Amino acid sequence: MNADSTMQNAHQNYPNTQNNGNAIDLQNNPQVQQLLTQQKIEFQQEMQYLMQNMRQNILQEMQEHNQQEQNAPQAPI
């Protein structure tokens, strides 16, 4: 196996390497940072939606439970 085929295998197995096997600097790559920021915003929006949904469900269940208790027949005192 010669050096060229070794590097070709490295590129196939590790696509984020190039330039003779040197890793691309992902941390200082503006496109990567923009994508991460976008993913972070989408994740925060999704979490906010899920939390609101969960709160609404809990409040609804509590209200239904309270309504059932009020409608339950009362034992004579």
C-alpha atoms as a PDB file:
ATOM      1  CA  MET A   1       0.000   0.000   0.000  1.00  0.00           C
ATOM      2  CA  ASN A   2       1.502   3.340  -0.973  1.00  0.00           C
ATOM      3  CA  ALA A   3       1.129   6.704   0.718  1.00  0.00           C
ATOM      4  CA  ASP A   4      -1.397   8.031  -1.802  1.00  0.00           C
ATOM      5  CA  SER A   5      -3.853   5.178  -1.264  1.00  0.00           C
ATOM      6  CA  THR A   6      -3.379   5.511   2.508  1.00  0.00           C
ATOM      7  CA  MET A   7      -4.400   9.183   2.345  1.00  0.00           C
ATOM      8  CA  GLN A   8      -7.322   8.330   0.074  1.00  0.00           C
ATOM      9  CA  ASN A   9      -8.536   5.806   2.655  1.00  0.00           C
ATOM     10  CA  ALA A  10      -8.138   8.400   5.399  1.00  0.00           C
ATOM     11  CA  HIS A  11     -10.290  10.885   3.463  1.00  0.00           C
ATOM     12  CA  GLN A  12     -12.987   8.264   2.941  1.00  0.00           C
ATOM     13  CA  ASN A  13     -12.998   7.124   6.555  1.00  0.00           C
ATOM     14  CA  TYR A  14     -12.541  10.573   8.086  1.00  0.00           C
ATOM     15  CA  PRO A  15     -14.168  13.095   5.731  1.00  0.00           C
ATOM     16  CA  ASN A  16     -13.262  16.075   7.921  1.00  0.00           C
ATOM     17  CA  THR A  17      -9.572  15.574   7.174  1.00  0.00           C
ATOM     18  CA  GLN A  18      -7.794  17.002   4.192  1.00  0.00           C
ATOM     19  CA  ASN A  19      -4.477  18.662   3.392  1.00  0.00           C
ATOM     20  CA  ASN A  20      -2.406  15.513   3.903  1.00  0.00           C
ATOM     21  CA  GLY A  21      -4.390  14.381   6.915  1.00  0.00           C
ATOM     22  CA  ASN A  22      -4.419  17.666   8.829  1.00  0.00           C
ATOM     23  CA  ALA A  23      -7.789  18.208  10.486  1.00  0.00           C
ATOM     24  CA  ILE A  24      -9.848  21.123   9.200  1.00  0.00           C
ATOM     25  CA  ASP A  25     -10.184  23.817  11.872  1.00  0.00           C
ATOM     26  CA  LEU A  26     -13.898  23.486  12.606  1.00  0.00           C
ATOM     27  CA  GLN A  27     -13.810  25.768  15.635  1.00  0.00           C
ATOM     28  CA  ASN A  28     -12.748  28.823  13.626  1.00  0.00           C
ATOM     29  CA  ASN A  29     -14.865  28.000  10.586  1.00  0.00           C
ATOM     30  CA  PRO A  30     -17.590  30.670  10.177  1.00  0.00           C
ATOM     31  CA  GLN A  31     -19.953  28.286   8.365  1.00  0.00           C
ATOM     32  CA  VAL A  32     -19.684  25.745  11.174  1.00  0.00           C
ATOM     33  CA  GLN A  33     -20.247  28.447  13.802  1.00  0.00           C
ATOM     34  CA  GLN A  34     -23.293  29.748  11.926  1.00  0.00           C
ATOM     35  CA  LEU A  35     -24.724  26.234  11.678  1.00  0.00           C
ATOM     36  CA  LEU A  36     -24.122  25.604  15.394  1.00  0.00           C
ATOM     37  CA  THR A  37     -25.786  28.896  16.304  1.00  0.00           C
ATOM     38  CA  GLN A  38     -28.776  28.023  14.127  1.00  0.00           C
ATOM     39  CA  GLN A  39     -29.004  24.548  15.704  1.00  0.00           C
ATOM     40  CA  LYS A  40     -28.779  26.083  19.183  1.00  0.00           C
ATOM     41  CA  ILE A  41     -31.612  28.526  18.422  1.00  0.00           C
ATOM     42  CA  GLU A  42     -33.799  25.753  16.991  1.00  0.00           C
ATOM     43  CA  PHE A  43     -33.092  23.574  20.028  1.00  0.00           C
ATOM     44  CA  GLN A  44     -33.998  26.400  22.426  1.00  0.00           C
ATOM     45  CA  GLN A  45     -37.236  27.071  20.541  1.00  0.00           C
ATOM     46  CA  GLU A  46     -38.140  23.385  20.627  1.00  0.00           C
ATOM     47  CA  MET A  47     -37.421  23.184  24.372  1.00  0.00           C
ATOM     48  CA  GLN A  48     -39.511  26.301  24.995  1.00  0.00           C
ATOM     49  CA  TYR A  49     -42.411  24.790  23.037  1.00  0.00           C
ATOM     50  CA  LEU A  50     -42.139  21.480  24.920  1.00  0.00           C
ATOM     51  CA  MET A  51     -42.040  23.216  28.318  1.00  0.00           C
ATOM     52  CA  GLN A  52     -45.103  25.344  27.494  1.00  0.00           C
ATOM     53  CA  ASN A  53     -46.939  22.280  26.249  1.00  0.00           C
ATOM     54  CA  MET A  54     -46.042  20.346  29.400  1.00  0.00           C
ATOM     55  CA  ARG A  55     -47.201  23.206  31.660  1.00  0.00           C
ATOM     56  CA  GLN A  56     -50.517  23.430  29.815  1.00  0.00           C
ATOM     57  CA  ASN A  57     -51.058  19.680  30.110  1.00  0.00           C
ATOM     58  CA  ILE A  58     -50.278  19.689  33.834  1.00  0.00           C
ATOM     59  CA  LEU A  59     -52.591  22.645  34.480  1.00  0.00           C
ATOM     60  CA  GLN A  60     -55.364  20.996  32.485  1.00  0.00           C
ATOM     61  CA  GLU A  61     -54.967  17.741  34.411  1.00  0.00           C
ATOM     62  CA  MET A  62     -55.036  19.594  37.732  1.00  0.00           C
ATOM     63  CA  GLN A  63     -58.177  21.468  36.731  1.00  0.00           C
ATOM     64  CA  GLU A  64     -59.878  18.240  35.629  1.00  0.00           C
ATOM     65  CA  HIS A  65     -58.858  16.550  38.873  1.00  0.00           C
ATOM     66  CA  ASN A  66     -60.207  19.456  40.949  1.00  0.00           C
ATOM     67  CA  GLN A  67     -63.449  19.406  38.947  1.00  0.00           C
ATOM     68  CA  GLN A  68     -63.849  15.672  39.592  1.00  0.00           C
ATOM     69  CA  GLU A  69     -63.285  16.200  43.313  1.00  0.00           C
ATOM     70  CA  GLN A  70     -65.908  18.959  43.404  1.00  0.00           C
ATOM     71  CA  ASN A  71     -68.379  16.791  41.505  1.00  0.00           C
ATOM     72  CA  ALA A  72     -67.787  13.726  43.652  1.00  0.00           C
ATOM     73  CA  PRO A  73     -70.633  12.809  46.007  1.00  0.00           C
ATOM     74  CA  GLN A  74     -69.977  14.071  49.498  1.00  0.00           C
ATOM     75  CA  ALA A  75     -70.244  11.718  52.449  1.00  0.00           C
ATOM     76  CA  PRO A  76     -72.835  12.822  55.001  1.00  0.00           C
ATOM     77  CA  ILE A  77     -71.352  14.451  58.071  1.00  0.00           C
END
